[in-house]
Protein backbone atom coordinates (compact mmCIF):
# COMPACT_ATOMS: atom_id res chain seq x y z
CA UNK A 1 2.81 5.31 -5.45
CA UNK A 2 4.04 8.80 -4.71
CA UNK A 3 2.67 12.27 -5.20
CA UNK A 4 4.58 15.51 -5.55
CA UNK A 5 3.44 18.42 -3.41
CA UNK A 6 4.83 21.88 -3.94
CA UNK A 7 5.61 23.88 -0.81
CA UNK A 8 7.23 27.26 -0.24
CA UNK A 9 9.74 28.15 2.46
CA UNK A 10 11.19 31.44 3.64
CA UNK A 11 14.92 32.10 3.31
CA UNK A 12 15.38 31.30 7.01
CA UNK A 13 13.51 28.02 6.70
CA UNK A 14 15.61 27.07 3.66
CA UNK A 15 18.76 27.75 5.67
CA UNK A 16 17.53 25.38 8.37
CA UNK A 17 16.68 22.71 5.78
CA UNK A 18 20.13 23.09 4.20
CA UNK A 19 21.78 22.64 7.60
CA UNK A 20 19.90 19.35 8.06
CA UNK A 21 21.12 17.84 4.80
CA UNK A 22 23.25 14.83 5.57
CA UNK A 23 21.51 14.36 8.93
CA UNK A 24 17.93 13.83 7.74
CA UNK A 25 18.55 13.09 4.06
CA UNK A 26 20.68 13.96 1.07
CA UNK A 27 18.15 16.03 -0.87
CA UNK A 28 15.71 18.80 0.04
CA UNK A 29 12.81 16.41 -0.60
CA UNK A 30 14.26 13.73 1.71
CA UNK A 31 14.86 16.27 4.49
CA UNK A 32 11.32 17.67 4.27
CA UNK A 33 9.79 14.17 4.04
CA UNK A 34 11.73 13.00 7.11
CA UNK A 35 10.81 16.12 9.09
CA UNK A 36 7.11 15.51 8.35
CA UNK A 37 7.36 11.82 9.33
CA UNK A 38 9.23 12.70 12.54
CA UNK A 39 6.62 15.34 13.45
CA UNK A 40 3.74 12.91 12.82
CA UNK A 41 5.44 10.30 15.00
CA UNK A 42 6.16 12.83 17.76
CA UNK A 43 2.50 13.89 17.83
CA UNK A 44 1.42 10.21 17.95
CA UNK A 45 -0.54 10.45 14.70
CA UNK A 46 1.22 7.42 13.24
CA UNK A 47 0.69 5.17 16.28
CA UNK A 48 -2.92 6.33 16.68
CA UNK A 49 -3.75 5.48 13.07
CA UNK A 50 -1.94 2.13 13.34
CA UNK A 51 -3.90 1.26 16.50
CA UNK A 52 -7.19 2.23 14.86
CA UNK A 53 -6.46 0.06 11.83
CA UNK A 54 -5.40 -2.85 14.03
CA UNK A 55 -8.64 -2.55 16.03
CA UNK A 56 -10.71 -2.35 12.82
CA UNK A 57 -8.95 -5.41 11.37
CA UNK A 58 -9.55 -7.42 14.56
CA UNK A 59 -13.21 -6.35 14.53
CA UNK A 60 -13.54 -7.41 10.89
CA UNK A 61 -11.87 -10.79 11.62
CA UNK A 62 -14.18 -11.58 14.54
CA UNK A 63 -17.29 -10.13 12.96
CA UNK A 64 -18.09 -8.14 16.10
């Protein structure tokens, strides 16, 4: 499942996105998506959520 989200960028931000095409994706959407994923990983949001889910699953399996 996917959801489209409209965002607006300044001319300078668009220039940066354009310069990242080919490095982080072939389309504007791929570049923006990969930037967001990279930022979430850098800030440890992804690993924190994964650890929480793993802990919750273990708790559910043991009933404790």
